[in-house]
């Protein structure tokens, strides 16, 4: 599943960058009926660091992976993360 042309809503991780091995990002997206929703994914450290920079710059990102839904919570597992050109 792809979530293209999305912006990052938030980034959270271990505060100590030396101990950080992953980070969580949250994206805002529009569903098929144009309702906004959020989805999150855990990223490995290298991708998370790029996500933080993309978030600070307001860049658009693409995340691909397996969509898991539980109640109203949506997450992408086995994520492939890319920062797209603005």
PDB file of N, CA and C in Angstrom:
ATOM      1  N   UNK A   1       0.845  -1.180   0.000  1.00  0.00           N
ATOM      2  CA  UNK A   1       0.000   0.000   0.000  1.00  0.00           C
ATOM      3  C   UNK A   1       0.882   1.231   0.000  1.00  0.00           C
ATOM      4  N   UNK A   2       0.555   2.216  -0.806  1.00  0.00           N
ATOM      5  CA  UNK A   2       1.284   3.472  -0.890  1.00  0.00           C
ATOM      6  C   UNK A   2       0.478   4.596  -0.256  1.00  0.00           C
ATOM      7  N   UNK A   3       1.183   5.483   0.384  1.00  0.00           N
ATOM      8  CA  UNK A   3       0.603   6.736   0.829  1.00  0.00           C
ATOM      9  C   UNK A   3       1.481   7.815   0.224  1.00  0.00           C
ATOM     10  N   UNK A   4       1.065   8.303  -0.938  1.00  0.00           N
ATOM     11  CA  UNK A   4       1.882   9.252  -1.693  1.00  0.00           C
ATOM     12  C   UNK A   4       1.491  10.682  -1.335  1.00  0.00           C
ATOM     13  N   UNK A   5       2.427  11.574  -1.580  1.00  0.00           N
ATOM     14  CA  UNK A   5       2.172  13.001  -1.435  1.00  0.00           C
ATOM     15  C   UNK A   5       1.590  13.361  -0.076  1.00  0.00           C
ATOM     16  N   UNK A   6       2.194  12.825   0.946  1.00  0.00           N
ATOM     17  CA  UNK A   6       1.738  13.088   2.307  1.00  0.00           C
ATOM     18  C   UNK A   6       2.784  13.912   3.061  1.00  0.00           C
ATOM     19  N   UNK A   7       2.325  14.628   4.059  1.00  0.00           N
ATOM     20  CA  UNK A   7       3.234  15.374   4.929  1.00  0.00           C
ATOM     21  C   UNK A   7       3.234  14.736   6.306  1.00  0.00           C
ATOM     22  N   UNK A   8       4.353  14.867   6.970  1.00  0.00           N
ATOM     23  CA  UNK A   8       4.510  14.297   8.296  1.00  0.00           C
ATOM     24  C   UNK A   8       3.865  15.210   9.327  1.00  0.00           C
ATOM     25  N   UNK A   9       3.036  14.628  10.173  1.00  0.00           N
ATOM     26  CA  UNK A   9       2.374  15.374  11.246  1.00  0.00           C
ATOM     27  C   UNK A   9       3.254  15.459  12.481  1.00  0.00           C
ATOM     28  N   UNK A  10       3.923  14.340  12.817  1.00  0.00           N
ATOM     29  CA  UNK A  10       4.769  14.342  14.006  1.00  0.00           C
ATOM     30  C   UNK A  10       5.833  13.257  13.913  1.00  0.00           C
ATOM     31  N   UNK A  11       6.890  13.456  14.679  1.00  0.00           N
ATOM     32  CA  UNK A  11       8.000  12.506  14.797  1.00  0.00           C
ATOM     33  C   UNK A  11       8.299  12.324  16.280  1.00  0.00           C
ATOM     34  N   UNK A  12       8.411  11.069  16.714  1.00  0.00           N
ATOM     35  CA  UNK A  12       8.765  10.799  18.109  1.00  0.00           C
ATOM     36  C   UNK A  12       9.769   9.654  18.171  1.00  0.00           C
ATOM     37  N   UNK A  13      10.676   9.768  19.136  1.00  0.00           N
ATOM     38  CA  UNK A  13      11.696   8.723  19.283  1.00  0.00           C
ATOM     39  C   UNK A  13      12.397   8.876  20.631  1.00  0.00           C
ATOM     40  N   UNK A  14      13.372   8.009  20.830  1.00  0.00           N
ATOM     41  CA  UNK A  14      14.278   8.113  21.974  1.00  0.00           C
ATOM     42  C   UNK A  14      14.962   9.482  21.900  1.00  0.00           C
ATOM     43  N   UNK A  15      14.892  10.298  22.957  1.00  0.00           N
ATOM     44  CA  UNK A  15      15.503  11.626  22.918  1.00  0.00           C
ATOM     45  C   UNK A  15      17.015  11.611  22.700  1.00  0.00           C
ATOM     46  N   UNK A  16      17.696  10.609  23.218  1.00  0.00           N
ATOM     47  CA  UNK A  16      19.152  10.515  23.085  1.00  0.00           C
ATOM     48  C   UNK A  16      19.480   9.903  21.727  1.00  0.00           C
ATOM     49  N   UNK A  17      19.973  10.731  20.789  1.00  0.00           N
ATOM     50  CA  UNK A  17      20.259  10.278  19.420  1.00  0.00           C
ATOM     51  C   UNK A  17      21.256   9.125  19.385  1.00  0.00           C
ATOM     52  N   UNK A  18      22.160   9.066  20.337  1.00  0.00           N
ATOM     53  CA  UNK A  18      23.154   7.981  20.366  1.00  0.00           C
ATOM     54  C   UNK A  18      22.507   6.631  20.684  1.00  0.00           C
ATOM     55  N   UNK A  19      21.417   6.645  21.421  1.00  0.00           N
ATOM     56  CA  UNK A  19      20.729   5.409  21.806  1.00  0.00           C
ATOM     57  C   UNK A  19      19.569   5.074  20.865  1.00  0.00           C
ATOM     58  N   UNK A  20      19.242   5.986  19.961  1.00  0.00           N
ATOM     59  CA  UNK A  20      18.088   5.816  19.077  1.00  0.00           C
ATOM     60  C   UNK A  20      18.350   4.733  18.036  1.00  0.00           C
ATOM     61  N   UNK A  21      17.424   3.787  17.926  1.00  0.00           N
ATOM     62  CA  UNK A  21      17.529   2.739  16.908  1.00  0.00           C
ATOM     63  C   UNK A  21      16.350   2.799  15.925  1.00  0.00           C
ATOM     64  N   UNK A  22      15.295   3.514  16.313  1.00  0.00           N
ATOM     65  CA  UNK A  22      14.128   3.684  15.457  1.00  0.00           C
ATOM     66  C   UNK A  22      13.351   4.907  15.900  1.00  0.00           C
ATOM     67  N   UNK A  23      12.390   5.291  15.107  1.00  0.00           N
ATOM     68  CA  UNK A  23      11.528   6.418  15.450  1.00  0.00           C
ATOM     69  C   UNK A  23      10.167   6.227  14.820  1.00  0.00           C
ATOM     70  N   UNK A  24       9.192   6.883  15.391  1.00  0.00           N
ATOM     71  CA  UNK A  24       7.808   6.768  14.926  1.00  0.00           C
ATOM     72  C   UNK A  24       7.415   8.061  14.231  1.00  0.00           C
ATOM     73  N   UNK A  25       6.821   7.927  13.034  1.00  0.00           N
ATOM     74  CA  UNK A  25       6.287   9.104  12.349  1.00  0.00           C
ATOM     75  C   UNK A  25       4.789   8.935  12.199  1.00  0.00           C
ATOM     76  N   UNK A  26       4.109  10.059  12.140  1.00  0.00           N
ATOM     77  CA  UNK A  26       2.675  10.066  11.922  1.00  0.00           C
ATOM     78  C   UNK A  26       2.402  10.938  10.704  1.00  0.00           C
ATOM     79  N   UNK A  27       1.609  10.415   9.763  1.00  0.00           N
ATOM     80  CA  UNK A  27       1.279  11.128   8.529  1.00  0.00           C
ATOM     81  C   UNK A  27      -0.194  11.488   8.518  1.00  0.00           C
ATOM     82  N   UNK A  28      -0.513  12.584   7.845  1.00  0.00           N
ATOM     83  CA  UNK A  28      -1.899  12.975   7.599  1.00  0.00           C
ATOM     84  C   UNK A  28      -2.190  12.648   6.140  1.00  0.00           C
ATOM     85  N   UNK A  29      -3.344  12.056   5.884  1.00  0.00           N
ATOM     86  CA  UNK A  29      -3.705  11.704   4.511  1.00  0.00           C
ATOM     87  C   UNK A  29      -5.202  11.883   4.305  1.00  0.00           C
ATOM     88  N   UNK A  30      -5.615  11.886   3.045  1.00  0.00           N
ATOM     89  CA  UNK A  30      -7.029  11.907   2.686  1.00  0.00           C
ATOM     90  C   UNK A  30      -7.410  10.525   2.185  1.00  0.00           C
ATOM     91  N   UNK A  31      -8.535   9.993   2.692  1.00  0.00           N
ATOM     92  CA  UNK A  31      -8.984   8.685   2.219  1.00  0.00           C
ATOM     93  C   UNK A  31      -9.781   8.847   0.923  1.00  0.00           C
ATOM     94  N   UNK A  32     -10.352   7.753   0.438  1.00  0.00           N
ATOM     95  CA  UNK A  32     -11.070   7.784  -0.837  1.00  0.00           C
ATOM     96  C   UNK A  32     -12.275   8.708  -0.830  1.00  0.00           C
ATOM     97  N   UNK A  33     -12.839   8.972   0.346  1.00  0.00           N
ATOM     98  CA  UNK A  33     -13.986   9.883   0.442  1.00  0.00           C
ATOM     99  C   UNK A  33     -13.550  11.284   0.889  1.00  0.00           C
ATOM    100  N   UNK A  34     -12.246  11.559   0.759  1.00  0.00           N
ATOM    101  CA  UNK A  34     -11.658  12.877   1.058  1.00  0.00           C
ATOM    102  C   UNK A  34     -11.776  13.282   2.526  1.00  0.00           C
ATOM    103  N   UNK A  35     -11.838  12.303   3.391  1.00  0.00           N
ATOM    104  CA  UNK A  35     -11.786  12.576   4.828  1.00  0.00           C
ATOM    105  C   UNK A  35     -10.344  12.434   5.270  1.00  0.00           C
ATOM    106  N   UNK A  36      -9.907  13.355   6.135  1.00  0.00           N
ATOM    107  CA  UNK A  36      -8.528  13.271   6.597  1.00  0.00           C
ATOM    108  C   UNK A  36      -8.400  12.205   7.677  1.00  0.00           C
ATOM    109  N   UNK A  37      -7.255  11.592   7.706  1.00  0.00           N
ATOM    110  CA  UNK A  37      -6.954  10.578   8.703  1.00  0.00           C
ATOM    111  C   UNK A  37      -5.474  10.605   9.015  1.00  0.00           C
ATOM    112  N   UNK A  38      -5.077   9.821   9.975  1.00  0.00           N
ATOM    113  CA  UNK A  38      -3.664   9.717  10.313  1.00  0.00           C
ATOM    114  C   UNK A  38      -3.255   8.252  10.268  1.00  0.00           C
ATOM    115  N   UNK A  39      -1.988   8.059   9.994  1.00  0.00           N
ATOM    116  CA  UNK A  39      -1.408   6.733   9.940  1.00  0.00           C
ATOM    117  C   UNK A  39       0.000   6.845  10.491  1.00  0.00           C
ATOM    118  N   UNK A  40       0.479   5.814  11.155  1.00  0.00           N
ATOM    119  CA  UNK A  40       1.833   5.901  11.689  1.00  0.00           C
ATOM    120  C   UNK A  40       2.674   4.725  11.234  1.00  0.00           C
ATOM    121  N   UNK A  41       3.978   4.900  11.386  1.00  0.00           N
ATOM    122  CA  UNK A  41       4.917   3.839  11.057  1.00  0.00           C
ATOM    123  C   UNK A  41       6.176   4.009  11.891  1.00  0.00           C
ATOM    124  N   UNK A  42       6.760   2.884  12.262  1.00  0.00           N
ATOM    125  CA  UNK A  42       8.068   2.887  12.911  1.00  0.00           C
ATOM    126  C   UNK A  42       9.117   2.762  11.819  1.00  0.00           C
ATOM    127  N   UNK A  43      10.112   3.641  11.843  1.00  0.00           N
ATOM    128  CA  UNK A  43      11.176   3.634  10.847  1.00  0.00           C
ATOM    129  C   UNK A  43      12.512   3.336  11.497  1.00  0.00           C
ATOM    130  N   UNK A  44      13.397   2.690  10.750  1.00  0.00           N
ATOM    131  CA  UNK A  44      14.755   2.489  11.249  1.00  0.00           C
ATOM    132  C   UNK A  44      15.428   3.854  11.369  1.00  0.00           C
ATOM    133  N   UNK A  45      16.491   3.930  12.150  1.00  0.00           N
ATOM    134  CA  UNK A  45      17.132   5.196  12.506  1.00  0.00           C
ATOM    135  C   UNK A  45      17.459   6.068  11.295  1.00  0.00           C
ATOM    136  N   UNK A  46      18.044   5.500  10.267  1.00  0.00           N
ATOM    137  CA  UNK A  46      18.452   6.291   9.101  1.00  0.00           C
ATOM    138  C   UNK A  46      17.238   6.938   8.423  1.00  0.00           C
ATOM    139  N   UNK A  47      16.164   6.158   8.256  1.00  0.00           N
ATOM    140  CA  UNK A  47      14.951   6.704   7.650  1.00  0.00           C
ATOM    141  C   UNK A  47      14.292   7.715   8.580  1.00  0.00           C
ATOM    142  N   UNK A  48      14.305   7.435   9.878  1.00  0.00           N
ATOM    143  CA  UNK A  48      13.715   8.373  10.834  1.00  0.00           C
ATOM    144  C   UNK A  48      14.441   9.718  10.800  1.00  0.00           C
ATOM    145  N   UNK A  49      15.764   9.691  10.746  1.00  0.00           N
ATOM    146  CA  UNK A  49      16.530  10.941  10.686  1.00  0.00           C
ATOM    147  C   UNK A  49      16.159  11.745   9.439  1.00  0.00           C
ATOM    148  N   UNK A  50      15.973  11.069   8.308  1.00  0.00           N
ATOM    149  CA  UNK A  50      15.545  11.757   7.080  1.00  0.00           C
ATOM    150  C   UNK A  50      14.116  12.279   7.221  1.00  0.00           C
ATOM    151  N   UNK A  51      13.282  11.538   7.938  1.00  0.00           N
ATOM    152  CA  UNK A  51      11.901  11.976   8.161  1.00  0.00           C
ATOM    153  C   UNK A  51      11.853  13.250   9.002  1.00  0.00           C
ATOM    154  N   UNK A  52      12.714  13.335  10.012  1.00  0.00           N
ATOM    155  CA  UNK A  52      12.757  14.540  10.847  1.00  0.00           C
ATOM    156  C   UNK A  52      13.124  15.753   9.993  1.00  0.00           C
ATOM    157  N   UNK A  53      14.118  15.609   9.142  1.00  0.00           N
ATOM    158  CA  UNK A  53      14.518  16.706   8.251  1.00  0.00           C
ATOM    159  C   UNK A  53      13.371  17.068   7.302  1.00  0.00           C
ATOM    160  N   UNK A  54      12.714  16.066   6.739  1.00  0.00           N
ATOM    161  CA  UNK A  54      11.580  16.317   5.842  1.00  0.00           C
ATOM    162  C   UNK A  54      10.466  17.054   6.580  1.00  0.00           C
ATOM    163  N   UNK A  55      10.214  16.665   7.822  1.00  0.00           N
ATOM    164  CA  UNK A  55       9.184  17.318   8.633  1.00  0.00           C
ATOM    165  C   UNK A  55       9.545  18.784   8.885  1.00  0.00           C
ATOM    166  N   UNK A  56      10.789  19.047   9.229  1.00  0.00           N
ATOM    167  CA  UNK A  56      11.234  20.411   9.488  1.00  0.00           C
ATOM    168  C   UNK A  56      11.128  21.284   8.236  1.00  0.00           C
ATOM    169  N   UNK A  57      11.361  20.690   7.065  1.00  0.00           N
ATOM    170  CA  UNK A  57      11.335  21.436   5.809  1.00  0.00           C
ATOM    171  C   UNK A  57       9.958  21.435   5.148  1.00  0.00           C
ATOM    172  N   UNK A  58       9.005  20.707   5.726  1.00  0.00           N
ATOM    173  CA  UNK A  58       7.666  20.634   5.148  1.00  0.00           C
ATOM    174  C   UNK A  58       7.631  19.838   3.853  1.00  0.00           C
ATOM    175  N   UNK A  59       8.566  18.918   3.685  1.00  0.00           N
ATOM    176  CA  UNK A  59       8.645  18.129   2.463  1.00  0.00           C
ATOM    177  C   UNK A  59       7.541  17.077   2.402  1.00  0.00           C
ATOM    178  N   UNK A  60       7.257  16.663   1.203  1.00  0.00           N
ATOM    179  CA  UNK A  60       6.294  15.604   0.953  1.00  0.00           C
ATOM    180  C   UNK A  60       7.051  14.283   0.964  1.00  0.00           C
ATOM    181  N   UNK A  61       6.432  13.263   1.551  1.00  0.00           N
ATOM    182  CA  UNK A  61       7.077  11.954   1.662  1.00  0.00           C
ATOM    183  C   UNK A  61       6.167  10.873   1.092  1.00  0.00           C
ATOM    184  N   UNK A  62       6.772   9.723   0.821  1.00  0.00           N
ATOM    185  CA  UNK A  62       6.032   8.544   0.371  1.00  0.00           C
ATOM    186  C   UNK A  62       6.437   7.380   1.262  1.00  0.00           C
ATOM    187  N   UNK A  63       5.451   6.642   1.716  1.00  0.00           N
ATOM    188  CA  UNK A  63       5.722   5.461   2.530  1.00  0.00           C
ATOM    189  C   UNK A  63       4.944   4.296   1.928  1.00  0.00           C
ATOM    190  N   UNK A  64       5.623   3.180   1.777  1.00  0.00           N
ATOM    191  CA  UNK A  64       5.038   1.981   1.186  1.00  0.00           C
ATOM    192  C   UNK A  64       5.239   0.823   2.148  1.00  0.00           C
ATOM    193  N   UNK A  65       4.253  -0.021   2.279  1.00  0.00           N
ATOM    194  CA  UNK A  65       4.379  -1.173   3.158  1.00  0.00           C
ATOM    195  C   UNK A  65       3.057  -1.872   3.339  1.00  0.00           C
ATOM    196  N   UNK A  66       2.954  -2.640   4.396  1.00  0.00           N
ATOM    197  CA  UNK A  66       1.746  -3.403   4.693  1.00  0.00           C
ATOM    198  C   UNK A  66       0.866  -2.593   5.641  1.00  0.00           C
ATOM    199  N   UNK A  67      -0.364  -2.329   5.221  1.00  0.00           N
ATOM    200  CA  UNK A  67      -1.310  -1.590   6.049  1.00  0.00           C
ATOM    201  C   UNK A  67      -1.934  -2.535   7.070  1.00  0.00           C
ATOM    202  N   UNK A  68      -1.868  -2.138   8.348  1.00  0.00           N
ATOM    203  CA  UNK A  68      -2.497  -2.890   9.432  1.00  0.00           C
ATOM    204  C   UNK A  68      -3.492  -1.957  10.099  1.00  0.00           C
ATOM    205  N   UNK A  69      -4.747  -2.376  10.173  1.00  0.00           N
ATOM    206  CA  UNK A  69      -5.785  -1.565  10.808  1.00  0.00           C
ATOM    207  C   UNK A  69      -6.341  -2.313  12.012  1.00  0.00           C
ATOM    208  N   UNK A  70      -6.441  -1.600  13.121  1.00  0.00           N
ATOM    209  CA  UNK A  70      -7.030  -2.164  14.346  1.00  0.00           C
ATOM    210  C   UNK A  70      -7.915  -1.075  14.934  1.00  0.00           C
ATOM    211  N   UNK A  71      -9.213  -1.251  14.809  1.00  0.00           N
ATOM    212  CA  UNK A  71     -10.132  -0.197  15.217  1.00  0.00           C
ATOM    213  C   UNK A  71      -9.924   1.019  14.325  1.00  0.00           C
ATOM    214  N   UNK A  72      -9.713   2.150  14.948  1.00  0.00           N
ATOM    215  CA  UNK A  72      -9.464   3.373  14.182  1.00  0.00           C
ATOM    216  C   UNK A  72      -7.977   3.618  13.945  1.00  0.00           C
ATOM    217  N   UNK A  73      -7.134   2.752  14.473  1.00  0.00           N
ATOM    218  CA  UNK A  73      -5.690   2.925  14.355  1.00  0.00           C
ATOM    219  C   UNK A  73      -5.192   2.272  13.076  1.00  0.00           C
ATOM    220  N   UNK A  74      -4.402   3.037  12.320  1.00  0.00           N
ATOM    221  CA  UNK A  74      -3.789   2.524  11.094  1.00  0.00           C
ATOM    222  C   UNK A  74      -2.281   2.681  11.197  1.00  0.00           C
ATOM    223  N   UNK A  75      -1.569   1.633  10.755  1.00  0.00           N
ATOM    224  CA  UNK A  75      -0.116   1.732  10.729  1.00  0.00           C
ATOM    225  C   UNK A  75       0.417   1.013   9.496  1.00  0.00           C
ATOM    226  N   UNK A  76       1.595   1.403   9.090  1.00  0.00           N
ATOM    227  CA  UNK A  76       2.289   0.761   7.984  1.00  0.00           C
ATOM    228  C   UNK A  76       3.453  -0.019   8.572  1.00  0.00           C
ATOM    229  N   UNK A  77       3.500  -1.312   8.289  1.00  0.00           N
ATOM    230  CA  UNK A  77       4.608  -2.157   8.727  1.00  0.00           C
ATOM    231  C   UNK A  77       5.512  -2.459   7.539  1.00  0.00           C
ATOM    232  N   UNK A  78       6.745  -2.858   7.831  1.00  0.00           N
ATOM    233  CA  UNK A  78       7.744  -3.152   6.790  1.00  0.00           C
ATOM    234  C   UNK A  78       7.835  -1.984   5.817  1.00  0.00           C
ATOM    235  N   UNK A  79       7.986  -0.814   6.376  1.00  0.00           N
ATOM    236  CA  UNK A  79       7.893   0.422   5.597  1.00  0.00           C
ATOM    237  C   UNK A  79       9.129   0.704   4.760  1.00  0.00           C
ATOM    238  N   UNK A  80       8.865   1.175   3.548  1.00  0.00           N
ATOM    239  CA  UNK A  80       9.887   1.742   2.681  1.00  0.00           C
ATOM    240  C   UNK A  80       9.593   3.235   2.645  1.00  0.00           C
ATOM    241  N   UNK A  81      10.536   4.048   3.068  1.00  0.00           N
ATOM    242  CA  UNK A  81      10.325   5.483   3.240  1.00  0.00           C
ATOM    243  C   UNK A  81      11.155   6.271   2.238  1.00  0.00           C
ATOM    244  N   UNK A  82      10.528   7.260   1.596  1.00  0.00           N
ATOM    245  CA  UNK A  82      11.230   8.134   0.653  1.00  0.00           C
ATOM    246  C   UNK A  82      10.777   9.573   0.856  1.00  0.00           C
ATOM    247  N   UNK A  83      11.720  10.483   0.720  1.00  0.00           N
ATOM    248  CA  UNK A  83      11.398  11.912   0.703  1.00  0.00           C
ATOM    249  C   UNK A  83      11.300  12.305  -0.757  1.00  0.00           C
ATOM    250  N   UNK A  84      10.172  12.912  -1.126  1.00  0.00           N
ATOM    251  CA  UNK A  84       9.958  13.324  -2.513  1.00  0.00           C
ATOM    252  C   UNK A  84      10.416  14.763  -2.700  1.00  0.00           C
ATOM    253  N   UNK A  85      10.708  15.119  -3.910  1.00  0.00           N
ATOM    254  CA  UNK A  85      11.101  16.494  -4.220  1.00  0.00           C
ATOM    255  C   UNK A  85       9.905  17.409  -3.991  1.00  0.00           C
ATOM    256  N   UNK A  86      10.181  18.599  -3.491  1.00  0.00           N
ATOM    257  CA  UNK A  86       9.112  19.595  -3.315  1.00  0.00           C
ATOM    258  C   UNK A  86       8.774  20.246  -4.629  1.00  0.00           C
TER     259      UNK A  86
END
